[in-house]
Amino acid sequence: HLKKRSALAHKMAVSPYMLWSALFIVAPMFFVVYYSFTSADGGFTLGNMTQLGKYTDTFLRSIWFGFLATFLCLLIAYPLAYAIAKSSANVQRTMVALVMLPMWMNFLIRTYSWMTILQNTGVINNILDALGFGRVKMLNTPGAVILGMVYNFLPFMILPLYSVLAKLDPSVVEAAQDLGGNSLTVLSKVILPLSMPGIASGLTMVFVPSVSTFYISQKLGGGSFDLIGDVIERQFQQSYNYNLGAAISLVLMVLILLCMAFLNRFTSGEEEMVV
């Protein structure tokens, strides 16, 4: 009797989550798949999929830009997160607040701010011109798009890394040092493997929005460097071709899931080696 009551209580506890998942995860994915394989009149078709070939370059560019932005975020975030984790409690709270501060501002405002900074009459070019180096075209370039991705998504890399590194047992590092490991050995053999869960979370949280972004590429790239998010946005907002837009979204979703599966497999292998 007690087991039945416990099972009933468990079902009641998880039912809101199941309902939420059904409404906002399962149902949208069902509609994406449905529209991907139907025509405007609702009939089954593979025509949407056959049109995806002309967007191959856009897919590759999106993945490449997303990879570069994610790598740069990791390169910047790891030493910063480690420094925060090793600071005093007051400094940690202050630094985490500073990391999160840009996230309190609207995404559009942050992107527009970079447009002002990078434009030909912006702050950086005014300084370069005053120093006699001349003005450099920074806006409407691939570098500007990647810079916008790194700036906007960097906190999503720092916070998971900080969370893992802050919980790292100092005695493990001390043991490695006592056994004769230098700083590089301790970092590569102890700290880095133990922080793999944070790295995996950060890579996922940065790579996914970087690949699918569209506003950054439109404003900082000037529309010259189409990413797959731009194509999807145009299908829904301008062409009103929901079927093709859904097909592109489905392929992008599959590619992201494959990248995440590969990443999880890689990090799982690293964790087993540490154990």
Protein backbone atom coordinates (compact mmCIF):
# COMPACT_ATOMS: atom_id res chain seq x y z
CA HIS A 1 0.00 0.00 0.00
CA LEU A 2 2.80 2.37 0.91
CA LYS A 3 4.59 1.55 -2.34
CA LYS A 4 1.46 2.38 -4.34
CA ARG A 5 1.07 5.68 -2.53
CA SER A 6 4.73 6.47 -3.10
CA ALA A 7 4.45 5.66 -6.80
CA LEU A 8 1.31 7.82 -7.09
CA ALA A 9 3.02 10.71 -5.32
CA HIS A 10 6.00 10.34 -7.64
CA LYS A 11 3.76 10.44 -10.73
CA MET A 12 1.98 13.53 -9.42
CA ALA A 13 5.30 15.23 -8.74
CA VAL A 14 6.68 14.63 -12.24
CA SER A 15 3.41 15.25 -14.11
CA PRO A 16 3.93 19.05 -14.43
CA TYR A 17 7.36 18.43 -15.93
CA MET A 18 5.96 15.83 -18.33
CA LEU A 19 3.20 18.22 -19.38
CA TRP A 20 5.71 21.02 -19.88
CA SER A 21 7.95 18.75 -21.96
CA ALA A 22 5.03 17.60 -24.10
CA LEU A 23 3.83 21.16 -24.79
CA PHE A 24 7.15 22.93 -25.33
CA ILE A 25 9.56 20.20 -26.49
CA VAL A 26 7.74 17.27 -28.06
CA ALA A 27 4.97 19.22 -29.78
CA PRO A 28 7.26 21.82 -31.44
CA MET A 29 9.59 19.06 -32.67
CA PHE A 30 6.61 17.17 -34.06
CA PHE A 31 5.48 20.23 -36.02
CA VAL A 32 9.02 20.81 -37.34
CA VAL A 33 9.14 17.23 -38.64
CA TYR A 34 5.58 17.46 -40.02
CA TYR A 35 6.21 20.67 -41.97
CA SER A 36 9.59 19.39 -43.20
CA PHE A 37 7.96 16.54 -45.11
CA THR A 38 4.79 18.25 -46.31
CA SER A 39 4.03 20.79 -49.00
CA ALA A 40 2.02 23.98 -48.68
CA ASP A 41 -1.22 22.03 -49.31
CA GLY A 42 -0.37 19.48 -46.59
CA GLY A 43 0.63 16.60 -48.85
CA PHE A 44 3.69 14.43 -48.21
CA THR A 45 6.79 15.48 -50.15
CA LEU A 46 10.58 15.21 -50.12
CA GLY A 47 10.90 18.41 -52.12
CA ASN A 48 11.90 20.45 -49.11
CA MET A 49 14.82 18.13 -48.42
CA THR A 50 16.00 18.15 -52.01
CA GLN A 51 16.34 21.93 -51.87
CA LEU A 52 18.81 21.81 -48.99
CA GLY A 53 21.77 21.15 -51.28
CA LYS A 54 21.97 24.81 -52.29
CA TYR A 55 22.52 25.76 -48.64
CA THR A 56 25.56 23.50 -48.14
CA ASP A 57 27.99 26.44 -48.08
CA THR A 58 25.80 28.23 -45.54
CA PHE A 59 25.70 25.17 -43.29
CA LEU A 60 29.48 24.81 -43.46
CA ARG A 61 30.02 28.52 -42.79
CA SER A 62 27.69 28.40 -39.79
CA ILE A 63 29.47 25.37 -38.32
CA TRP A 64 32.89 26.93 -38.95
CA PHE A 65 31.94 30.27 -37.37
CA GLY A 66 30.34 28.44 -34.45
CA PHE A 67 33.45 26.31 -33.97
CA LEU A 68 35.77 29.34 -34.01
CA ALA A 69 33.58 31.28 -31.57
CA THR A 70 33.35 28.29 -29.23
CA PHE A 71 37.10 27.68 -29.33
CA LEU A 72 37.86 31.35 -28.61
CA CYS A 73 35.35 31.36 -25.75
CA LEU A 74 37.04 28.31 -24.22
CA LEU A 75 40.49 29.87 -24.68
CA ILE A 76 39.40 33.06 -22.91
CA ALA A 77 37.06 31.55 -20.33
CA TYR A 78 39.21 28.75 -18.90
CA PRO A 79 42.02 30.85 -17.35
CA LEU A 80 39.49 33.48 -16.27
CA ALA A 81 37.23 30.89 -14.60
CA TYR A 82 40.26 29.29 -12.92
CA ALA A 83 41.42 32.66 -11.59
CA ILE A 84 37.94 33.40 -10.23
CA ALA A 85 37.69 29.96 -8.60
CA LYS A 86 41.01 30.46 -6.81
CA SER A 87 40.09 33.91 -5.48
CA SER A 88 38.58 34.73 -2.11
CA ALA A 89 34.83 34.41 -1.58
CA ASN A 90 34.22 38.17 -1.86
CA VAL A 91 36.26 38.44 -5.05
CA GLN A 92 34.43 35.44 -6.51
CA ARG A 93 31.04 37.01 -5.90
CA THR A 94 32.19 40.29 -7.45
CA MET A 95 33.75 38.64 -10.50
CA VAL A 96 30.73 36.40 -11.14
CA ALA A 97 28.47 39.47 -10.93
CA LEU A 98 30.69 41.28 -13.48
CA VAL A 99 30.56 38.26 -15.80
CA MET A 100 26.77 38.19 -15.59
CA LEU A 101 26.35 41.97 -15.85
CA PRO A 102 26.25 42.10 -19.69
CA MET A 103 23.54 39.42 -19.65
CA TRP A 104 21.28 41.82 -17.78
CA MET A 105 21.19 44.05 -20.86
CA ASN A 106 19.13 43.32 -23.92
CA PHE A 107 20.84 41.16 -26.56
CA LEU A 108 20.01 43.68 -29.29
CA ILE A 109 21.51 46.57 -27.34
CA ARG A 110 24.75 44.66 -26.80
CA THR A 111 25.02 43.93 -30.51
CA TYR A 112 24.22 47.52 -31.50
CA SER A 113 26.93 48.68 -29.09
CA TRP A 114 29.52 46.66 -31.02
CA MET A 115 28.27 48.19 -34.26
CA THR A 116 29.07 51.61 -32.80
CA ILE A 117 32.49 50.49 -31.62
CA LEU A 118 33.55 48.74 -34.84
CA GLN A 119 32.21 51.14 -37.47
CA ASN A 120 34.58 53.32 -39.54
CA THR A 121 33.90 56.33 -37.30
CA GLY A 122 33.83 54.23 -34.14
CA VAL A 123 35.99 54.40 -31.04
CA ILE A 124 38.65 51.93 -32.19
CA ASN A 125 39.10 53.50 -35.62
CA ASN A 126 39.25 57.00 -34.11
CA ILE A 127 42.07 55.86 -31.82
CA LEU A 128 43.94 54.15 -34.67
CA ASP A 129 43.53 57.22 -36.85
CA ALA A 130 44.79 59.50 -34.08
CA LEU A 131 47.87 57.28 -33.66
CA GLY A 132 48.58 57.49 -37.38
CA PHE A 133 47.70 53.90 -38.31
CA GLY A 134 44.70 54.85 -40.43
CA ARG A 135 41.23 53.40 -40.31
CA VAL A 136 40.60 49.66 -40.63
CA LYS A 137 37.42 48.04 -41.89
CA MET A 138 36.15 45.96 -38.98
CA LEU A 139 32.38 46.10 -39.36
CA ASN A 140 30.70 43.83 -41.94
CA THR A 141 33.52 41.27 -41.77
CA PRO A 142 33.64 37.64 -40.60
CA GLY A 143 35.83 38.73 -37.69
CA ALA A 144 33.13 41.12 -36.49
CA VAL A 145 30.52 38.34 -36.56
CA ILE A 146 32.76 35.95 -34.58
CA LEU A 147 33.62 38.76 -32.14
CA GLY A 148 29.92 39.36 -31.56
CA MET A 149 29.37 35.66 -30.89
CA VAL A 150 32.28 35.49 -28.44
CA TYR A 151 31.15 38.59 -26.57
CA ASN A 152 27.50 37.54 -26.29
CA PHE A 153 28.08 33.87 -25.42
CA LEU A 154 31.28 34.07 -23.33
CA PRO A 155 29.40 34.06 -19.99
CA PHE A 156 27.83 30.72 -20.95
CA MET A 157 31.35 29.28 -21.08
CA ILE A 158 32.72 30.98 -17.97
CA LEU A 159 29.94 30.04 -15.55
CA PRO A 160 29.96 26.22 -16.08
CA LEU A 161 33.76 26.19 -15.90
CA TYR A 162 33.77 28.28 -12.74
CA SER A 163 31.16 26.02 -11.15
CA VAL A 164 33.34 22.93 -11.71
CA LEU A 165 36.70 24.52 -10.88
CA ALA A 166 35.38 26.07 -7.67
CA LYS A 167 34.46 22.58 -6.42
CA LEU A 168 37.85 21.10 -7.33
CA ASP A 169 39.44 19.45 -4.28
CA PRO A 170 42.72 21.31 -3.53
CA SER A 171 44.16 18.17 -1.94
CA VAL A 172 44.16 16.44 -5.35
CA VAL A 173 46.27 19.22 -6.83
CA GLU A 174 48.57 19.20 -3.80
CA ALA A 175 49.00 15.43 -4.12
CA ALA A 176 50.00 15.78 -7.76
CA GLN A 177 52.53 18.48 -6.83
CA ASP A 178 53.94 16.35 -4.01
CA LEU A 179 54.47 13.52 -6.49
CA GLY A 180 56.72 15.77 -8.55
CA GLY A 181 54.31 17.18 -11.10
CA ASN A 182 55.14 20.65 -12.41
CA SER A 183 52.50 23.26 -13.19
CA LEU A 184 51.99 22.08 -16.77
CA THR A 185 51.71 18.43 -15.74
CA VAL A 186 49.23 19.19 -12.96
CA LEU A 187 47.13 21.25 -15.37
CA SER A 188 47.09 18.66 -18.17
CA LYS A 189 46.86 15.50 -16.05
CA VAL A 190 44.71 16.60 -13.12
CA ILE A 191 42.91 19.94 -13.42
CA LEU A 192 41.92 19.72 -17.08
CA PRO A 193 40.47 16.17 -16.94
CA LEU A 194 38.56 16.92 -13.73
CA SER A 195 37.05 20.02 -15.33
CA MET A 196 35.79 18.13 -18.40
CA PRO A 197 32.11 18.23 -17.28
CA GLY A 198 32.29 22.04 -17.16
CA ILE A 199 34.07 22.15 -20.51
CA ALA A 200 31.41 19.92 -22.08
CA SER A 201 28.59 22.08 -20.70
CA GLY A 202 30.29 25.27 -21.83
CA LEU A 203 31.00 23.99 -25.33
CA THR A 204 27.38 22.93 -25.74
CA MET A 205 25.95 26.17 -24.36
CA VAL A 206 28.13 28.26 -26.70
CA PHE A 207 28.21 26.14 -29.84
CA VAL A 208 24.44 25.64 -30.14
CA PRO A 209 23.44 29.35 -30.12
CA SER A 210 26.51 30.29 -32.20
CA VAL A 211 25.56 27.93 -35.03
CA SER A 212 21.91 28.97 -35.05
CA THR A 213 22.30 32.73 -34.48
CA PHE A 214 21.03 35.20 -37.06
CA TYR A 215 20.86 38.68 -35.53
CA ILE A 216 24.61 38.99 -34.92
CA SER A 217 25.44 38.08 -38.52
CA GLN A 218 22.88 40.55 -39.85
CA LYS A 219 24.10 43.52 -37.82
CA LEU A 220 27.85 42.92 -37.48
CA GLY A 221 28.18 41.13 -40.82
CA GLY A 222 25.99 43.55 -42.73
CA GLY A 223 24.13 40.66 -44.38
CA SER A 224 27.26 39.76 -46.36
CA PHE A 225 27.86 36.49 -44.54
CA ASP A 226 24.68 34.48 -44.41
CA LEU A 227 24.48 31.93 -41.63
CA ILE A 228 21.90 29.18 -41.50
CA GLY A 229 19.93 31.12 -38.89
CA ASP A 230 19.55 33.96 -41.40
CA VAL A 231 18.17 31.57 -44.01
CA ILE A 232 15.65 30.09 -41.57
CA GLU A 233 14.58 33.54 -40.40
CA ARG A 234 13.97 34.68 -43.99
CA GLN A 235 11.88 31.59 -44.79
CA PHE A 236 9.57 32.34 -41.88
CA GLN A 237 9.56 36.15 -41.89
CA GLN A 238 9.91 37.11 -45.56
CA SER A 239 9.25 34.18 -47.90
CA TYR A 240 6.63 32.60 -45.63
CA ASN A 241 7.85 29.21 -46.79
CA TYR A 242 7.34 27.44 -43.48
CA ASN A 243 7.93 24.00 -44.98
CA LEU A 244 11.41 24.77 -46.28
CA GLY A 245 12.22 26.70 -43.11
CA ALA A 246 11.19 23.69 -41.03
CA ALA A 247 13.29 21.36 -43.20
CA ILE A 248 16.39 23.52 -42.72
CA SER A 249 15.67 23.72 -38.99
CA LEU A 250 15.35 19.94 -38.81
CA VAL A 251 18.71 19.37 -40.50
CA LEU A 252 20.36 21.97 -38.27
CA MET A 253 18.85 20.29 -35.21
CA VAL A 254 20.18 16.90 -36.31
CA LEU A 255 23.66 18.34 -36.92
CA ILE A 256 23.69 19.93 -33.47
CA LEU A 257 22.55 16.68 -31.84
CA LEU A 258 25.32 14.77 -33.64
CA CYS A 259 27.93 17.29 -32.46
CA MET A 260 26.62 17.06 -28.90
CA ALA A 261 26.64 13.25 -29.02
CA PHE A 262 30.24 13.26 -30.23
CA LEU A 263 31.19 15.75 -27.53
CA ASN A 264 29.52 13.71 -24.78
CA ARG A 265 31.22 10.55 -26.00
CA PHE A 266 34.59 12.30 -25.97
CA THR A 267 34.15 13.78 -22.49
CA SER A 268 32.85 10.48 -21.11
CA GLY A 269 36.03 8.83 -22.27
CA GLU A 270 38.10 11.51 -20.57
CA GLU A 271 36.21 11.06 -17.28
CA GLU A 272 36.77 7.29 -17.34
CA MET A 273 40.50 7.87 -17.81
CA VAL A 274 40.56 10.13 -14.75
CA VAL A 275 38.72 7.55 -12.64
